[in-house]
C-alpha cells in the first residue's frame, strides 16, 4: 500500500475554506482506498504553518497514477493552485501486515 500525504498553506487565510472545497473534489475519485481532506487543527507546540492536509491510501502505484490522471484531480488543481502558497507532498510504501 502507498500513503500519499499533501500539505498546503494558503496565501490568504480567508481562502482556507475554498481550498478545502476544491480539494474535496478528490474524494469522488474512485482509485483511492481512503482519502481525507482536513483543516489542520494547529495544536503543535513547534509549528503550525500548514493549513490543509490531504491524506490518501492507494493499493499500488497504478492506482495512485490513475488518481493523479483523473479529470477531478486536474479540476482540483485548477481551483486550489491560485489559493495556495506552498504545497508539500510525500508518498511512501507501507509494508503488508
Protein backbone atom coordinates (compact mmCIF):
# COMPACT_ATOMS: atom_id res chain seq x y z
CA UNK A 1 0.00 0.00 0.00
CA UNK A 2 1.10 3.59 -0.66
CA UNK A 3 0.31 6.51 1.61
CA UNK A 4 0.04 9.87 -0.13
CA UNK A 5 0.17 12.97 2.08
CA UNK A 6 0.00 16.54 0.79
CA UNK A 7 0.29 19.64 2.97
CA UNK A 8 -0.84 23.10 1.90
CA UNK A 9 -0.50 26.65 3.12
CA UNK A 10 -2.92 29.33 1.99
CA UNK A 11 -1.84 32.66 0.53
CA UNK A 12 -4.80 34.23 2.32
CA UNK A 13 -6.15 32.53 5.46
CA UNK A 14 -9.66 33.61 4.43
CA UNK A 15 -9.40 31.18 1.48
CA UNK A 16 -8.82 28.01 3.53
CA UNK A 17 -12.49 27.02 3.22
CA UNK A 18 -12.33 27.44 -0.56
CA UNK A 19 -9.17 25.34 -0.65
CA UNK A 20 -10.88 22.58 1.31
CA UNK A 21 -13.87 22.73 -1.06
CA UNK A 22 -11.58 22.43 -4.10
CA UNK A 23 -9.57 19.59 -2.57
CA UNK A 24 -12.74 17.78 -1.53
CA UNK A 25 -13.36 17.03 -5.21
CA UNK A 26 -10.61 14.42 -4.81
CA UNK A 27 -12.86 12.26 -2.62
CA UNK A 28 -15.01 11.45 -5.67
CA UNK A 29 -12.06 9.85 -7.49
CA UNK A 30 -12.56 6.07 -7.27
CA UNK A 31 -8.90 4.94 -7.18
CA UNK A 32 -8.13 5.71 -3.53
CA UNK A 33 -8.70 3.12 -0.84
CA UNK A 34 -9.11 6.02 1.58
CA UNK A 35 -8.97 9.79 1.08
CA UNK A 36 -9.33 12.57 3.63
CA UNK A 37 -9.18 16.35 3.31
CA UNK A 38 -8.97 18.31 6.55
CA UNK A 39 -8.08 21.65 8.06
CA UNK A 40 -5.01 21.49 10.28
CA UNK A 41 -6.00 21.87 13.95
CA UNK A 42 -2.79 23.83 14.59
CA UNK A 43 -2.18 22.45 18.07
CA UNK A 44 1.50 21.53 17.71
CA UNK A 45 3.92 23.26 20.09
CA UNK A 46 6.61 23.84 17.46
CA UNK A 47 4.99 24.53 14.12
CA UNK A 48 1.53 25.27 12.83
CA UNK A 49 2.24 26.65 9.38
CA UNK A 50 0.26 24.03 7.45
CA UNK A 51 -3.37 24.97 6.79
CA UNK A 52 -4.81 21.94 4.94
CA UNK A 53 -3.90 18.25 4.79
CA UNK A 54 -4.79 15.65 2.14
CA UNK A 55 -4.26 12.05 3.23
CA UNK A 56 -4.74 9.16 0.82
CA UNK A 57 -4.13 5.42 0.74
CA UNK A 58 -3.67 3.53 -2.52
CA UNK A 59 -3.29 -0.19 -3.19
CA UNK A 60 -0.39 0.31 -5.59
CA UNK A 61 1.43 2.69 -7.94
CA UNK A 62 -1.09 2.02 -10.73
CA UNK A 63 -4.00 3.22 -8.57
CA UNK A 64 -2.07 6.32 -7.45
CA UNK A 65 -1.20 7.15 -11.07
CA UNK A 66 -4.84 6.69 -12.14
CA UNK A 67 -5.92 9.00 -9.29
CA UNK A 68 -3.50 11.70 -10.46
CA UNK A 69 -4.63 11.29 -14.08
CA UNK A 70 -8.35 11.64 -13.24
CA UNK A 71 -10.14 14.75 -14.52
CA UNK A 72 -11.30 15.69 -11.00
CA UNK A 73 -7.67 15.79 -9.87
CA UNK A 74 -6.97 18.31 -12.62
CA UNK A 75 -10.08 20.31 -11.68
CA UNK A 76 -8.96 20.37 -8.04
CA UNK A 77 -5.55 21.72 -9.08
CA UNK A 78 -7.23 24.40 -11.17
CA UNK A 79 -9.28 25.57 -8.18
CA UNK A 80 -6.64 25.31 -5.46
CA UNK A 81 -3.36 26.34 -7.10
CA UNK A 82 -4.26 30.08 -7.21
CA UNK A 83 -5.16 29.98 -3.50
CA UNK A 84 -2.16 28.11 -2.12
CA UNK A 85 1.22 29.44 -1.21
CA UNK A 86 3.14 26.22 -0.51
CA UNK A 87 2.50 22.55 -1.29
CA UNK A 88 4.49 19.68 0.16
CA UNK A 89 3.86 16.08 -0.90
CA UNK A 90 5.15 12.73 0.32
CA UNK A 91 4.42 9.21 -0.88
CA UNK A 92 5.68 6.19 0.99
CA UNK A 93 5.23 2.43 0.95
CA UNK A 94 3.53 0.70 3.84
CA UNK A 95 4.60 -2.91 4.37
CA UNK A 96 1.86 -5.54 4.29
CA UNK A 97 0.92 -6.79 7.74
